[in-house]
């Protein structure tokens, strides 16, 4: 089975022993720097013993883990319990995680994540930022957690974002670069993946319904792609393109990413990136996989957009021999034959990695997979270990 054939990434610097990749999974299990107090909510978390155990449990010899989304700054954090990479305590905690994965022969990339407008001031202590001051157009959609000091869910529409100035854009890019350098040179991550999907800041720049700028960062597919191209260029220059990857969701709807000109925008972006850089790998989310809508709703959306039969094949062709990963609904029943077909070079598994710390071995043996518990995906909880590190291994 080709899932268990080796795969070189990072231009041959790293050899994966198998092609079952741990997807980036936000789990909100970080340790707060200080207890919440009236007028002083905690806004910074760091990786503690529990996170070290979680990642160590899922590490395999020559297996790739992509970390949960790691905010490069306080402003960029979108959820409580998420450890960033901008304080000494966070750096120390992530270093322990990386060392634990390496001790088991595993490989781990740092995924950098900027929520952009998908956060609220109560979370970060500052206004949410966005390419444009585009408010949430659903007046009832609420933030994922009830913030400290509030008793009811908070509506995104009540806290519209502020537009990034050109100076702000360069500051944000530098924050990414600083975090990437820290990840590689201090923490010891094996590489860095930029989260440029799921309606977060890079995709907010790519999305025509969110990015309404009229300067060089908006107004056409080429200009909307400029931020991501500049970001990837700055990162490649500083940490090396061999160490750099990107995640994209050209057909996603999460966080109100309802862009027009999807094929034009993402085709241009991928062509320019591939022409400029030899990335470690690229990671795509399947067109019909959606976090918030049913398959039928997603199919209806794709059909209405003239994308009824769309696949990732056009992007696979653009990227040529750059390792091409796919995420979105892979499990024991539908993984067979995918790598053999040549469609993808590796598959990312998320939900089943939450409940099967030995997922790689289960897939190797053809053993049943333990069901996942969606209610325990996103903390913080009073007992963060439940539904996180307490799942059973095969005998």
Protein backbone atom coordinates (compact mmCIF):
# COMPACT_ATOMS: atom_id res chain seq x y z
CA UNK A 1 0.00 0.00 0.00
CA UNK A 2 1.56 3.27 -1.12
CA UNK A 3 0.52 5.08 2.07
CA UNK A 4 3.51 3.30 3.60
CA UNK A 5 6.04 4.10 0.90
CA UNK A 6 8.70 6.73 1.70
CA UNK A 7 8.27 10.30 0.45
CA UNK A 8 10.98 12.96 0.25
CA UNK A 9 9.95 16.50 1.15
CA UNK A 10 11.94 19.71 1.70
CA UNK A 11 13.72 19.07 -1.61
CA UNK A 12 15.06 15.78 -0.31
CA UNK A 13 16.31 17.09 3.03
CA UNK A 14 13.62 15.09 4.87
CA UNK A 15 12.46 11.57 4.06
CA UNK A 16 9.03 10.62 5.36
CA UNK A 17 8.73 6.92 6.15
CA UNK A 18 5.00 6.95 5.37
CA UNK A 19 2.40 9.31 3.89
CA UNK A 20 -0.12 9.53 6.75
CA UNK A 21 0.23 13.12 7.93
CA UNK A 22 -1.14 14.51 11.18
CA UNK A 23 -3.20 17.51 10.08
CA UNK A 24 -3.00 20.84 11.93
CA UNK A 25 -5.62 20.59 14.68
CA UNK A 26 -6.60 23.43 17.00
CA UNK A 27 -7.35 21.80 20.36
CA UNK A 28 -7.17 24.76 22.81
CA UNK A 29 -5.20 22.88 25.47
CA UNK A 30 -2.56 25.50 26.30
CA UNK A 31 -1.75 26.58 29.86
CA UNK A 32 -2.80 30.14 30.79
CA UNK A 33 0.00 32.46 31.87
CA UNK A 34 -2.15 33.73 34.74
CA UNK A 35 -5.68 33.09 36.05
CA UNK A 36 -8.51 35.19 34.68
CA UNK A 37 -9.42 38.05 36.99
CA UNK A 38 -11.95 40.90 36.78
CA UNK A 39 -10.53 43.46 34.42
CA UNK A 40 -7.51 41.25 33.70
CA UNK A 41 -8.40 38.30 31.46
CA UNK A 42 -5.60 35.97 30.47
CA UNK A 43 -4.73 36.38 26.79
CA UNK A 44 -1.58 34.29 26.50
CA UNK A 45 -1.18 30.50 26.71
CA UNK A 46 1.85 28.24 26.44
CA UNK A 47 2.34 24.49 25.75
CA UNK A 48 2.47 22.50 28.98
CA UNK A 49 2.94 18.84 29.92
CA UNK A 50 -0.39 17.80 28.41
CA UNK A 51 0.48 19.12 24.96
CA UNK A 52 3.89 17.47 25.14
CA UNK A 53 2.15 14.17 25.87
CA UNK A 54 -0.43 14.62 23.08
CA UNK A 55 2.11 15.26 20.34
CA UNK A 56 4.46 12.55 21.64
CA UNK A 57 1.62 10.00 21.57
CA UNK A 58 1.00 10.68 17.88
CA UNK A 59 4.64 10.82 16.74
CA UNK A 60 5.94 7.95 14.61
CA UNK A 61 9.29 7.12 13.09
CA UNK A 62 9.60 9.26 9.98
CA UNK A 63 6.01 10.49 10.31
CA UNK A 64 5.07 14.13 9.72
CA UNK A 65 3.03 16.12 12.24
CA UNK A 66 1.85 19.60 11.33
CA UNK A 67 1.27 21.58 14.51
CA UNK A 68 -1.94 23.29 15.43
CA UNK A 69 -2.14 26.85 14.17
CA UNK A 70 0.35 28.95 16.14
CA UNK A 71 -0.25 32.72 16.33
CA UNK A 72 2.88 34.77 15.62
CA UNK A 73 1.56 37.66 17.74
CA UNK A 74 -1.08 38.46 20.32
CA UNK A 75 -3.09 40.36 17.71
CA UNK A 76 -3.25 37.28 15.49
CA UNK A 77 -4.76 34.85 18.00
CA UNK A 78 -8.30 33.78 17.29
CA UNK A 79 -9.21 31.47 20.19
CA UNK A 80 -8.53 30.92 23.90
CA UNK A 81 -6.17 28.14 24.91
CA UNK A 82 -4.05 28.48 21.76
CA UNK A 83 -0.31 28.84 22.44
CA UNK A 84 1.48 31.37 20.30
CA UNK A 85 5.17 31.77 19.59
CA UNK A 86 5.99 35.27 20.81
CA UNK A 87 6.95 34.92 24.49
CA UNK A 88 9.87 33.10 26.15
CA UNK A 89 7.47 30.77 27.98
CA UNK A 90 5.77 29.80 24.72
CA UNK A 91 9.12 29.22 23.02
CA UNK A 92 10.23 26.98 25.89
CA UNK A 93 6.95 25.03 25.77
CA UNK A 94 7.07 24.44 22.02
CA UNK A 95 10.69 23.38 22.30
CA UNK A 96 9.60 20.64 24.73
CA UNK A 97 6.90 19.53 22.27
CA UNK A 98 9.37 19.37 19.38
CA UNK A 99 11.95 17.50 21.42
CA UNK A 100 9.32 14.93 22.44
CA UNK A 101 8.33 14.34 18.80
CA UNK A 102 11.96 14.07 17.73
CA UNK A 103 12.65 11.60 20.55
CA UNK A 104 10.22 9.21 18.86
CA UNK A 105 11.76 9.73 15.43
CA UNK A 106 9.01 12.04 14.25
CA UNK A 107 9.09 15.19 12.12
CA UNK A 108 7.09 18.29 13.03
CA UNK A 109 6.32 21.48 11.11
CA UNK A 110 5.11 24.71 12.73
CA UNK A 111 1.90 26.03 11.21
CA UNK A 112 1.70 29.82 11.53
CA UNK A 113 -1.86 31.12 11.84
CA UNK A 114 -3.22 34.67 11.82
CA UNK A 115 -6.95 34.89 12.49
CA UNK A 116 -7.34 38.35 10.97
CA UNK A 117 -10.92 39.47 11.41
CA UNK A 118 -11.98 36.05 12.80
CA UNK A 119 -11.40 37.19 16.37
CA UNK A 120 -12.70 39.83 18.77
CA UNK A 121 -11.07 42.54 20.91
CA UNK A 122 -11.92 40.66 24.12
CA UNK A 123 -9.61 37.90 22.90
CA UNK A 124 -6.58 39.98 21.93
CA UNK A 125 -7.00 43.30 23.71
CA UNK A 126 -6.95 45.12 20.36
CA UNK A 127 -9.30 45.48 17.36
CA UNK A 128 -9.43 42.63 14.87
CA UNK A 129 -7.56 43.40 11.66
CA UNK A 130 -8.46 42.67 8.07
CA UNK A 131 -7.44 43.71 4.55
CA UNK A 132 -10.52 45.95 4.63
CA UNK A 133 -12.86 47.11 7.38
CA UNK A 134 -15.38 44.52 6.19
CA UNK A 135 -17.92 43.71 8.92
CA UNK A 136 -19.31 40.24 9.49
CA UNK A 137 -22.39 40.20 7.28
CA UNK A 138 -24.29 37.68 9.41
CA UNK A 139 -25.67 39.71 12.34
CA UNK A 140 -26.28 36.62 14.50
CA UNK A 141 -23.01 34.68 14.05
CA UNK A 142 -21.12 34.58 17.31
CA UNK A 143 -17.55 34.09 18.45
CA UNK A 144 -16.67 30.51 19.37
CA UNK A 145 -16.26 31.11 23.14
CA UNK A 146 -17.97 33.36 25.65
CA UNK A 147 -15.22 35.80 26.64
CA UNK A 148 -14.17 36.41 30.23
CA UNK A 149 -16.47 39.02 31.76
CA UNK A 150 -19.36 38.25 29.41
CA UNK A 151 -22.39 36.08 30.15
CA UNK A 152 -23.70 35.69 26.59
CA UNK A 153 -22.10 34.81 23.25
CA UNK A 154 -20.53 37.80 21.51
CA UNK A 155 -21.55 38.63 17.93
CA UNK A 156 -18.79 39.26 15.42
CA UNK A 157 -20.87 41.98 13.77
CA UNK A 158 -20.70 44.05 16.96
CA UNK A 159 -16.90 44.29 16.64
CA UNK A 160 -16.02 45.06 13.00
CA UNK A 161 -12.34 44.85 12.04
CA UNK A 162 -10.03 47.70 11.16
CA UNK A 163 -8.27 47.80 7.80
CA UNK A 164 -4.55 47.14 7.73
CA UNK A 165 -2.51 50.05 6.42
CA UNK A 166 0.43 49.37 4.12
CA UNK A 167 2.72 49.91 7.10
CA UNK A 168 0.61 47.44 9.11
CA UNK A 169 0.93 44.86 6.33
CA UNK A 170 4.71 45.03 6.48
CA UNK A 171 4.58 44.77 10.29
CA UNK A 172 2.41 41.64 10.08
CA UNK A 173 4.77 40.06 7.54
CA UNK A 174 7.69 40.78 9.86
CA UNK A 175 5.83 39.12 12.74
CA UNK A 176 5.44 35.99 10.62
CA UNK A 177 9.14 36.09 9.74
CA UNK A 178 10.19 36.56 13.36
CA UNK A 179 8.04 33.62 14.45
CA UNK A 180 9.36 31.44 11.63
CA UNK A 181 12.96 32.19 12.56
CA UNK A 182 12.18 31.39 16.19
CA UNK A 183 10.47 28.15 15.13
CA UNK A 184 13.43 26.97 13.07
CA UNK A 185 16.46 28.36 14.88
CA UNK A 186 15.43 28.30 18.55
CA UNK A 187 12.57 25.81 18.95
CA UNK A 188 13.87 23.28 16.42
CA UNK A 189 10.80 22.71 14.23
CA UNK A 190 11.67 20.90 11.00
CA UNK A 191 9.82 23.40 8.83
CA UNK A 192 7.11 26.07 8.70
CA UNK A 193 3.70 25.92 7.06
CA UNK A 194 1.71 29.11 6.43
CA UNK A 195 -2.01 28.69 7.04
CA UNK A 196 -3.44 30.51 4.04
CA UNK A 197 -6.88 28.89 4.07
CA UNK A 198 -10.10 28.62 6.09
CA UNK A 199 -10.94 32.30 5.86
CA UNK A 200 -8.04 33.51 8.01
CA UNK A 201 -5.92 36.56 7.23
CA UNK A 202 -4.09 35.37 4.08
CA UNK A 203 -7.34 34.06 2.61
CA UNK A 204 -9.10 37.25 3.65
CA UNK A 205 -6.72 39.02 1.27
CA UNK A 206 -7.55 36.47 -1.45
CA UNK A 207 -11.34 36.72 -0.99
CA UNK A 208 -13.13 39.31 -3.11
CA UNK A 209 -16.07 39.62 -0.71
CA UNK A 210 -13.75 40.49 2.22
CA UNK A 211 -10.88 42.31 0.50
CA UNK A 212 -12.42 45.43 -1.03
CA UNK A 213 -9.18 47.42 -1.23
CA UNK A 214 -8.52 49.60 -4.27
CA UNK A 215 -4.73 49.82 -3.89
CA UNK A 216 -2.09 47.29 -4.97
CA UNK A 217 -3.45 44.72 -2.48
CA UNK A 218 -6.99 44.49 -3.89
CA UNK A 219 -9.31 44.87 -6.84
CA UNK A 220 -8.15 41.96 -9.04
CA UNK A 221 -6.98 38.36 -8.60
CA UNK A 222 -3.39 39.48 -9.13
CA UNK A 223 -3.54 42.26 -6.55
CA UNK A 224 -5.47 40.20 -4.02
CA UNK A 225 -2.69 37.59 -4.21
CA UNK A 226 0.02 40.16 -3.48
CA UNK A 227 -0.02 39.81 0.33
CA UNK A 228 0.44 36.03 0.24
CA UNK A 229 3.17 36.31 -2.41
CA UNK A 230 5.03 38.95 -0.39
CA UNK A 231 4.64 36.93 2.80
CA UNK A 232 5.94 33.72 1.24
CA UNK A 233 8.79 35.60 -0.39
CA UNK A 234 9.87 37.17 2.89
CA UNK A 235 9.72 33.81 4.67
CA UNK A 236 11.63 32.00 1.91
CA UNK A 237 14.39 34.58 1.99
CA UNK A 238 14.78 34.28 5.76
CA UNK A 239 14.32 30.57 6.51
CA UNK A 240 14.83 29.04 3.07
CA UNK A 241 12.18 27.77 0.67
CA UNK A 242 13.14 24.16 1.44
CA UNK A 243 11.80 24.75 4.94
CA UNK A 244 8.58 26.44 3.83
CA UNK A 245 5.12 25.10 2.95
CA UNK A 246 1.62 26.50 2.53
CA UNK A 247 -1.94 25.35 3.16
CA UNK A 248 -4.71 26.51 0.82
CA UNK A 249 -8.49 26.05 0.59
CA UNK A 250 -9.47 27.49 -2.81
CA UNK A 251 -13.11 26.39 -2.46
CA UNK A 252 -13.72 26.88 1.25
CA UNK A 253 -16.56 28.87 2.78
CA UNK A 254 -15.39 28.96 6.39
CA UNK A 255 -15.32 32.38 8.08
CA UNK A 256 -17.44 33.84 5.28
CA UNK A 257 -14.81 33.37 2.57
CA UNK A 258 -17.16 33.60 -0.41
CA UNK A 259 -14.79 34.84 -3.05
CA UNK A 260 -15.65 35.26 -6.70
CA UNK A 261 -13.01 34.53 -9.37
CA UNK A 262 -11.77 31.55 -7.39
CA UNK A 263 -10.06 29.70 -10.20
CA UNK A 264 -8.46 32.89 -11.53
CA UNK A 265 -7.23 33.95 -8.09
CA UNK A 266 -5.84 30.66 -6.82
CA UNK A 267 -4.47 29.65 -10.23
CA UNK A 268 -2.53 32.91 -10.41
CA UNK A 269 -1.34 32.55 -6.80
CA UNK A 270 -0.14 28.97 -7.24
CA UNK A 271 1.52 29.68 -10.57
CA UNK A 272 3.43 32.62 -9.14
CA UNK A 273 4.44 30.71 -6.01
CA UNK A 274 5.60 27.71 -7.99
CA UNK A 275 7.58 29.91 -10.37
CA UNK A 276 9.27 31.70 -7.48
CA UNK A 277 9.89 28.93 -4.96
CA UNK A 278 10.62 25.24 -4.61
CA UNK A 279 8.53 24.68 -1.49
CA UNK A 280 8.84 21.76 0.89
CA UNK A 281 5.27 20.69 0.04
CA UNK A 282 1.83 22.19 -0.57
CA UNK A 283 -1.32 21.21 1.32
CA UNK A 284 -4.84 21.60 -0.08
CA UNK A 285 -8.31 21.08 1.37
CA UNK A 286 -10.69 19.04 -0.77
CA UNK A 287 -13.30 21.11 -2.69
CA UNK A 288 -16.28 19.27 -1.22
CA UNK A 289 -15.04 19.17 2.36
CA UNK A 290 -16.57 21.93 4.47
CA UNK A 291 -16.40 22.64 8.18
CA UNK A 292 -19.78 24.26 8.61
CA UNK A 293 -22.03 23.15 5.75
CA UNK A 294 -23.36 19.76 4.68
CA UNK A 295 -22.06 18.03 1.57
CA UNK A 296 -25.31 18.85 -0.22
CA UNK A 297 -25.05 22.54 0.66
CA UNK A 298 -21.45 22.62 -0.52
CA UNK A 299 -22.31 20.83 -3.77
CA UNK A 300 -25.09 23.35 -4.41
CA UNK A 301 -22.66 26.22 -3.84
CA UNK A 302 -20.07 24.75 -6.19
CA UNK A 303 -22.70 24.13 -8.86
CA UNK A 304 -24.02 27.68 -8.59
CA UNK A 305 -20.45 28.95 -9.00
CA UNK A 306 -19.86 26.90 -12.14
CA UNK A 307 -17.60 24.51 -10.26
CA UNK A 308 -19.85 21.45 -10.09
CA UNK A 309 -17.18 18.96 -11.17
CA UNK A 310 -14.14 20.76 -9.79
CA UNK A 311 -11.25 18.77 -8.33
CA UNK A 312 -7.76 19.67 -7.16
CA UNK A 313 -6.30 18.35 -10.43
CA UNK A 314 -5.64 21.81 -11.93
CA UNK A 315 -3.56 22.76 -8.91
CA UNK A 316 -1.77 19.43 -8.88
CA UNK A 317 -0.73 20.17 -12.45
CA UNK A 318 0.53 23.65 -11.58
CA UNK A 319 2.74 22.39 -8.75
CA UNK A 320 4.36 19.66 -10.82
CA UNK A 321 6.70 17.55 -8.71
CA UNK A 322 6.31 19.58 -5.49
CA UNK A 323 4.86 17.12 -2.92
CA UNK A 324 1.09 17.64 -2.98
CA UNK A 325 -0.98 16.84 0.13
CA UNK A 326 -4.76 16.54 0.45
CA UNK A 327 -6.94 17.02 3.53
CA UNK A 328 -10.64 16.68 4.08
CA UNK A 329 -12.48 13.58 5.19
CA UNK A 330 -9.89 10.85 4.70
CA UNK A 331 -10.45 7.70 6.76
CA UNK A 332 -9.84 3.95 6.70
CA UNK A 333 -12.55 3.37 4.11
CA UNK A 334 -11.57 5.85 1.40
CA UNK A 335 -7.77 6.04 1.57
CA UNK A 336 -6.92 2.89 -0.38
CA UNK A 337 -5.63 3.50 -3.89
CA UNK A 338 -5.47 7.29 -3.63
CA UNK A 339 -1.68 7.56 -3.54
CA UNK A 340 -1.39 4.82 -6.17
CA UNK A 341 -3.60 6.87 -8.50
CA UNK A 342 -1.09 9.70 -8.51
CA UNK A 343 -3.67 12.26 -7.44
CA UNK A 344 -1.78 13.13 -4.25
CA UNK A 345 1.54 12.37 -2.59
CA UNK A 346 0.26 12.22 1.01
CA UNK A 347 -3.01 12.39 2.92
CA UNK A 348 -3.75 14.45 6.01
CA UNK A 349 -5.88 13.00 8.77
CA UNK A 350 -7.43 15.16 11.47
CA UNK A 351 -10.52 13.95 13.29
CA UNK A 352 -9.37 10.33 13.47
CA UNK A 353 -5.98 11.38 14.82
CA UNK A 354 -7.79 12.94 17.78
CA UNK A 355 -9.18 9.58 18.92
CA UNK A 356 -6.49 7.26 17.55
CA UNK A 357 -3.04 8.22 18.80
CA UNK A 358 -1.76 5.13 16.95
CA UNK A 359 -3.66 5.90 13.76
CA UNK A 360 -0.68 5.02 11.57
CA UNK A 361 -0.43 1.52 13.02
CA UNK A 362 -4.19 1.00 12.84
CA UNK A 363 -4.21 1.89 9.15
CA UNK A 364 -1.20 -0.34 8.59
CA UNK A 365 -2.92 -3.33 10.22
CA UNK A 366 -6.40 -2.57 8.94
CA UNK A 367 -7.61 -2.34 12.54
CA UNK A 368 -10.86 -0.56 13.48
CA UNK A 369 -10.60 3.15 14.24
CA UNK A 370 -11.89 4.48 17.55
CA UNK A 371 -14.71 7.00 17.03
CA UNK A 372 -13.91 10.63 17.72
CA UNK A 373 -15.88 12.86 20.10
CA UNK A 374 -16.58 16.20 18.45
CA UNK A 375 -17.66 17.73 21.77
CA UNK A 376 -14.07 17.37 23.02
CA UNK A 377 -12.32 18.86 19.99
CA UNK A 378 -12.04 22.43 21.21
CA UNK A 379 -11.19 23.36 24.80
CA UNK A 380 -10.35 24.81 27.16
CA UNK A 381 -12.05 22.41 29.59
CA UNK A 382 -11.75 21.94 33.32
CA UNK A 383 -10.19 18.57 32.56
CA UNK A 384 -8.27 19.13 29.34
CA UNK A 385 -6.96 15.56 29.25
CA UNK A 386 -10.38 14.02 28.58
CA UNK A 387 -10.83 13.45 24.86
CA UNK A 388 -7.24 14.55 24.30
CA UNK A 389 -4.60 12.23 25.76
CA UNK A 390 -6.79 9.48 27.27
CA UNK A 391 -7.57 7.44 24.12
CA UNK A 392 -6.43 3.81 24.03
CA UNK A 393 -3.68 2.28 21.94
CA UNK A 394 -3.81 -1.08 20.23
CA UNK A 395 -2.50 -3.95 22.30
